Amino acid sequence: MRKLVPVLALMTFCNWLSAQITVTNATFPLAGDTLKTATDLNPDGIVITPPGGPATWDFSGLAPTVKSESVFRAASEGSAFADFSSAELFSVGAGGQGETYYDVSANNFDNLGYYGSDPTGGLPIQTSFKFSPPVPERRAPLNFIDNHLAETKLKP
């Protein structure tokens, strides 16, 4: 019995050491934050393995061809806040075109919709689109092998 307790304690400690990280809601943007992204529109030589682990992915060959920044501001500063009154944040699209509104909760960072020029570039009109239900862009807590599905409808 004396040997069993230290062995169990050692096994528990070793199991704790191999734990995966948990991504929390501390990664959700706040008003004043800037999210910078770089996109490679023609990735070559990237091999993504099936789900599970352990896995090593090498992204060193990526060459970003498009870089963008999203600045998040308080939703009340947006020109369409009345249409998205439950939003906490909004961001302005590239070139100052369009506003995307977000609802932030303890577990979700949800895209509520868009207001601005026709996003398809087809019509020179101001429009407002709302997602019902909102589109979850980020979730927390997020753990290894979590799977999430989302469905929405677009309402003009």
C-alpha atoms as a PDB file:
ATOM      1  CA  MET A   1       0.000   0.000   0.000  1.00  0.00           C
ATOM      2  CA  ARG A   2       2.882   2.352   0.813  1.00  0.00           C
ATOM      3  CA  LYS A   3       4.220   2.006  -2.732  1.00  0.00           C
ATOM      4  CA  LEU A   4       0.818   2.422  -4.381  1.00  0.00           C
ATOM      5  CA  VAL A   5       0.216   5.995  -3.183  1.00  0.00           C
ATOM      6  CA  PRO A   6       3.506   7.422  -4.584  1.00  0.00           C
ATOM      7  CA  VAL A   7       2.995   5.557  -7.872  1.00  0.00           C
ATOM      8  CA  LEU A   8      -0.543   6.965  -8.242  1.00  0.00           C
ATOM      9  CA  ALA A   9       0.707  10.457  -7.367  1.00  0.00           C
ATOM     10  CA  LEU A  10       3.479  10.165  -9.972  1.00  0.00           C
ATOM     11  CA  MET A  11       1.030   8.946 -12.638  1.00  0.00           C
ATOM     12  CA  THR A  12      -1.356  11.822 -11.893  1.00  0.00           C
ATOM     13  CA  PHE A  13       1.499  14.334 -12.074  1.00  0.00           C
ATOM     14  CA  CYS A  14       2.751  12.906 -15.390  1.00  0.00           C
ATOM     15  CA  ASN A  15      -0.771  13.018 -16.847  1.00  0.00           C
ATOM     16  CA  TRP A  16      -1.071  16.663 -15.813  1.00  0.00           C
ATOM     17  CA  LEU A  17       2.216  17.488 -17.587  1.00  0.00           C
ATOM     18  CA  SER A  18       0.938  16.184 -20.923  1.00  0.00           C
ATOM     19  CA  ALA A  19      -2.260  18.249 -20.905  1.00  0.00           C
ATOM     20  CA  GLN A  20      -3.238  20.326 -23.939  1.00  0.00           C
ATOM     21  CA  ILE A  21      -3.692  24.069 -23.705  1.00  0.00           C
ATOM     22  CA  THR A  22      -7.143  25.599 -23.518  1.00  0.00           C
ATOM     23  CA  VAL A  23      -7.832  28.755 -25.514  1.00  0.00           C
ATOM     24  CA  THR A  24      -9.944  31.059 -23.366  1.00  0.00           C
ATOM     25  CA  ASN A  25     -12.075  34.108 -24.095  1.00  0.00           C
ATOM     26  CA  ALA A  26      -9.036  36.264 -23.300  1.00  0.00           C
ATOM     27  CA  THR A  27      -8.283  35.892 -27.038  1.00  0.00           C
ATOM     28  CA  PHE A  28     -11.495  37.713 -28.009  1.00  0.00           C
ATOM     29  CA  PRO A  29     -10.851  41.238 -29.367  1.00  0.00           C
ATOM     30  CA  LEU A  30     -11.677  44.288 -27.274  1.00  0.00           C
ATOM     31  CA  ALA A  31     -12.457  47.850 -28.372  1.00  0.00           C
ATOM     32  CA  GLY A  32      -9.222  49.409 -29.603  1.00  0.00           C
ATOM     33  CA  ASP A  33      -7.592  46.093 -30.620  1.00  0.00           C
ATOM     34  CA  THR A  34      -6.190  45.590 -34.123  1.00  0.00           C
ATOM     35  CA  LEU A  35      -6.201  42.142 -35.720  1.00  0.00           C
ATOM     36  CA  LYS A  36      -3.558  41.785 -38.428  1.00  0.00           C
ATOM     37  CA  THR A  37      -3.854  38.926 -40.924  1.00  0.00           C
ATOM     38  CA  ALA A  38      -1.689  37.720 -43.777  1.00  0.00           C
ATOM     39  CA  THR A  39      -3.120  35.382 -46.437  1.00  0.00           C
ATOM     40  CA  ASP A  40      -1.268  33.267 -48.978  1.00  0.00           C
ATOM     41  CA  LEU A  41      -3.632  33.014 -51.954  1.00  0.00           C
ATOM     42  CA  ASN A  42      -1.513  30.332 -53.609  1.00  0.00           C
ATOM     43  CA  PRO A  43      -0.192  27.996 -50.888  1.00  0.00           C
ATOM     44  CA  ASP A  44       2.114  25.264 -52.147  1.00  0.00           C
ATOM     45  CA  GLY A  45       3.577  22.259 -50.367  1.00  0.00           C
ATOM     46  CA  ILE A  46       1.360  22.438 -47.288  1.00  0.00           C
ATOM     47  CA  VAL A  47       0.168  19.047 -46.069  1.00  0.00           C
ATOM     48  CA  ILE A  48      -2.504  18.934 -43.379  1.00  0.00           C
ATOM     49  CA  THR A  49      -2.796  15.577 -41.650  1.00  0.00           C
ATOM     50  CA  PRO A  50      -6.080  13.981 -40.590  1.00  0.00           C
ATOM     51  CA  PRO A  51      -7.545  14.986 -37.197  1.00  0.00           C
ATOM     52  CA  GLY A  52      -5.874  13.685 -34.077  1.00  0.00           C
ATOM     53  CA  GLY A  53      -2.340  13.820 -32.869  1.00  0.00           C
ATOM     54  CA  PRO A  54       0.507  13.970 -32.524  1.00  0.00           C
ATOM     55  CA  ALA A  55       1.120  16.002 -35.666  1.00  0.00           C
ATOM     56  CA  THR A  56       3.676  18.479 -36.939  1.00  0.00           C
ATOM     57  CA  TRP A  57       2.655  20.986 -39.588  1.00  0.00           C
ATOM     58  CA  ASP A  58       5.231  23.093 -41.422  1.00  0.00           C
ATOM     59  CA  PHE A  59       3.902  26.467 -42.567  1.00  0.00           C
ATOM     60  CA  SER A  60       7.323  28.026 -43.202  1.00  0.00           C
ATOM     61  CA  GLY A  61       6.766  27.878 -46.982  1.00  0.00           C
ATOM     62  CA  LEU A  62       3.787  30.255 -46.909  1.00  0.00           C
ATOM     63  CA  ALA A  63       4.255  33.634 -48.563  1.00  0.00           C
ATOM     64  CA  PRO A  64       1.510  36.133 -47.706  1.00  0.00           C
ATOM     65  CA  THR A  65       0.120  37.891 -50.765  1.00  0.00           C
ATOM     66  CA  VAL A  66      -2.667  39.787 -48.994  1.00  0.00           C
ATOM     67  CA  LYS A  67      -2.252  41.611 -45.689  1.00  0.00           C
ATOM     68  CA  SER A  68      -5.103  43.258 -43.834  1.00  0.00           C
ATOM     69  CA  GLU A  69      -5.943  44.879 -40.520  1.00  0.00           C
ATOM     70  CA  SER A  70      -9.229  44.897 -38.629  1.00  0.00           C
ATOM     71  CA  VAL A  71      -9.599  47.593 -35.984  1.00  0.00           C
ATOM     72  CA  PHE A  72     -12.320  46.886 -33.430  1.00  0.00           C
ATOM     73  CA  ARG A  73     -14.232  49.803 -31.955  1.00  0.00           C
ATOM     74  CA  ALA A  74     -17.168  50.180 -29.584  1.00  0.00           C
ATOM     75  CA  ALA A  75     -20.374  49.341 -31.472  1.00  0.00           C
ATOM     76  CA  SER A  76     -22.052  52.514 -30.257  1.00  0.00           C
ATOM     77  CA  GLU A  77     -19.632  54.476 -32.504  1.00  0.00           C
ATOM     78  CA  GLY A  78     -20.896  52.690 -35.646  1.00  0.00           C
ATOM     79  CA  SER A  79     -23.254  54.339 -38.101  1.00  0.00           C
ATOM     80  CA  ALA A  80     -25.679  51.371 -38.000  1.00  0.00           C
ATOM     81  CA  PHE A  81     -25.643  50.726 -34.250  1.00  0.00           C
ATOM     82  CA  ALA A  82     -29.431  51.173 -34.127  1.00  0.00           C
ATOM     83  CA  ASP A  83     -29.764  48.122 -36.419  1.00  0.00           C
ATOM     84  CA  PHE A  84     -27.340  46.058 -34.293  1.00  0.00           C
ATOM     85  CA  SER A  85     -28.209  47.269 -30.788  1.00  0.00           C
ATOM     86  CA  SER A  86     -26.997  44.036 -29.102  1.00  0.00           C
ATOM     87  CA  ALA A  87     -23.483  44.480 -30.531  1.00  0.00           C
ATOM     88  CA  GLU A  88     -20.509  45.380 -28.371  1.00  0.00           C
ATOM     89  CA  LEU A  89     -17.965  45.852 -31.189  1.00  0.00           C
ATOM     90  CA  PHE A  90     -17.732  46.668 -34.870  1.00  0.00           C
ATOM     91  CA  SER A  91     -14.934  46.762 -37.420  1.00  0.00           C
ATOM     92  CA  VAL A  92     -14.633  48.765 -40.620  1.00  0.00           C
ATOM     93  CA  GLY A  93     -13.846  46.891 -43.830  1.00  0.00           C
ATOM     94  CA  ALA A  94     -10.866  47.434 -46.125  1.00  0.00           C
ATOM     95  CA  GLY A  95     -10.697  50.945 -47.520  1.00  0.00           C
ATOM     96  CA  GLY A  96     -13.266  52.167 -44.988  1.00  0.00           C
ATOM     97  CA  GLN A  97     -16.055  50.274 -46.756  1.00  0.00           C
ATOM     98  CA  GLY A  98     -18.727  48.627 -44.634  1.00  0.00           C
ATOM     99  CA  GLU A  99     -19.093  47.843 -40.957  1.00  0.00           C
ATOM    100  CA  THR A 100     -19.288  44.362 -39.430  1.00  0.00           C
ATOM    101  CA  TYR A 101     -20.961  44.134 -36.009  1.00  0.00           C
ATOM    102  CA  TYR A 102     -20.088  41.636 -33.263  1.00  0.00           C
ATOM    103  CA  ASP A 103     -21.724  40.374 -30.092  1.00  0.00           C
ATOM    104  CA  VAL A 104     -19.262  39.302 -27.394  1.00  0.00           C
ATOM    105  CA  SER A 105     -20.205  36.940 -24.563  1.00  0.00           C
ATOM    106  CA  ALA A 106     -18.232  34.753 -22.156  1.00  0.00           C
ATOM    107  CA  ASN A 107     -18.257  31.842 -24.628  1.00  0.00           C
ATOM    108  CA  ASN A 108     -18.764  33.344 -28.104  1.00  0.00           C
ATOM    109  CA  PHE A 109     -17.526  36.088 -30.389  1.00  0.00           C
ATOM    110  CA  ASP A 110     -20.415  36.269 -32.868  1.00  0.00           C
ATOM    111  CA  ASN A 111     -20.764  38.087 -36.184  1.00  0.00           C
ATOM    112  CA  LEU A 112     -24.201  39.754 -36.140  1.00  0.00           C
ATOM    113  CA  GLY A 113     -24.107  41.221 -39.632  1.00  0.00           C
ATOM    114  CA  TYR A 114     -22.892  43.865 -42.045  1.00  0.00           C
ATOM    115  CA  TYR A 115     -23.844  47.415 -42.978  1.00  0.00           C
ATOM    116  CA  GLY A 116     -22.417  49.363 -45.906  1.00  0.00           C
ATOM    117  CA  SER A 117     -21.969  49.335 -49.651  1.00  0.00           C
ATOM    118  CA  ASP A 118     -23.075  46.209 -51.503  1.00  0.00           C
ATOM    119  CA  PRO A 119     -20.335  43.690 -50.502  1.00  0.00           C
ATOM    120  CA  THR A 120     -20.529  41.954 -53.888  1.00  0.00           C
ATOM    121  CA  GLY A 121     -19.700  45.200 -55.648  1.00  0.00           C
ATOM    122  CA  GLY A 122     -22.680  44.792 -57.929  1.00  0.00           C
ATOM    123  CA  LEU A 123     -24.913  47.612 -56.753  1.00  0.00           C
ATOM    124  CA  PRO A 124     -24.003  51.106 -55.572  1.00  0.00           C
ATOM    125  CA  ILE A 125     -26.419  51.023 -52.622  1.00  0.00           C
ATOM    126  CA  GLN A 126     -26.147  50.984 -48.856  1.00  0.00           C
ATOM    127  CA  THR A 127     -27.427  47.746 -47.395  1.00  0.00           C
ATOM    128  CA  SER A 128     -27.758  45.955 -44.079  1.00  0.00           C
ATOM    129  CA  PHE A 129     -27.525  42.172 -43.666  1.00  0.00           C
ATOM    130  CA  LYS A 130     -28.167  40.325 -40.416  1.00  0.00           C
ATOM    131  CA  PHE A 131     -27.284  36.734 -39.592  1.00  0.00           C
ATOM    132  CA  SER A 132     -29.969  34.709 -37.832  1.00  0.00           C
ATOM    133  CA  PRO A 133     -28.647  33.142 -35.674  1.00  0.00           C
ATOM    134  CA  PRO A 134     -25.341  35.035 -35.476  1.00  0.00           C
ATOM    135  CA  VAL A 135     -22.221  33.387 -36.936  1.00  0.00           C
ATOM    136  CA  PRO A 136     -19.780  32.303 -34.207  1.00  0.00           C
ATOM    137  CA  GLU A 137     -16.318  33.459 -35.316  1.00  0.00           C
ATOM    138  CA  ARG A 138     -14.583  32.408 -32.085  1.00  0.00           C
ATOM    139  CA  ARG A 139     -15.584  30.159 -29.198  1.00  0.00           C
ATOM    140  CA  ALA A 140     -14.193  29.661 -25.720  1.00  0.00           C
ATOM    141  CA  PRO A 141     -13.065  27.565 -24.067  1.00  0.00           C
ATOM    142  CA  LEU A 142     -11.468  25.824 -27.051  1.00  0.00           C
ATOM    143  CA  ASN A 143      -9.635  22.532 -26.567  1.00  0.00           C
ATOM    144  CA  PHE A 144      -7.807  20.113 -28.822  1.00  0.00           C
ATOM    145  CA  ILE A 145     -10.191  18.064 -31.024  1.00  0.00           C
ATOM    146  CA  ASP A 146     -13.230  20.246 -30.220  1.00  0.00           C
ATOM    147  CA  ASN A 147     -15.732  20.200 -33.080  1.00  0.00           C
ATOM    148  CA  HIS A 148     -18.304  22.935 -33.630  1.00  0.00           C
ATOM    149  CA  LEU A 149     -20.894  23.326 -36.353  1.00  0.00           C
ATOM    150  CA  ALA A 150     -22.836  26.459 -37.150  1.00  0.00           C
ATOM    151  CA  GLU A 151     -25.747  27.275 -39.422  1.00  0.00           C
ATOM    152  CA  THR A 152     -27.225  30.649 -40.171  1.00  0.00           C
ATOM    153  CA  LYS A 153     -29.519  32.500 -42.513  1.00  0.00           C
ATOM    154  CA  LEU A 154     -28.905  35.896 -44.021  1.00  0.00           C
ATOM    155  CA  LYS A 155     -31.693  38.428 -43.562  1.00  0.00           C
ATOM    156  CA  PRO A 156     -31.753  41.696 -45.493  1.00  0.00           C
END
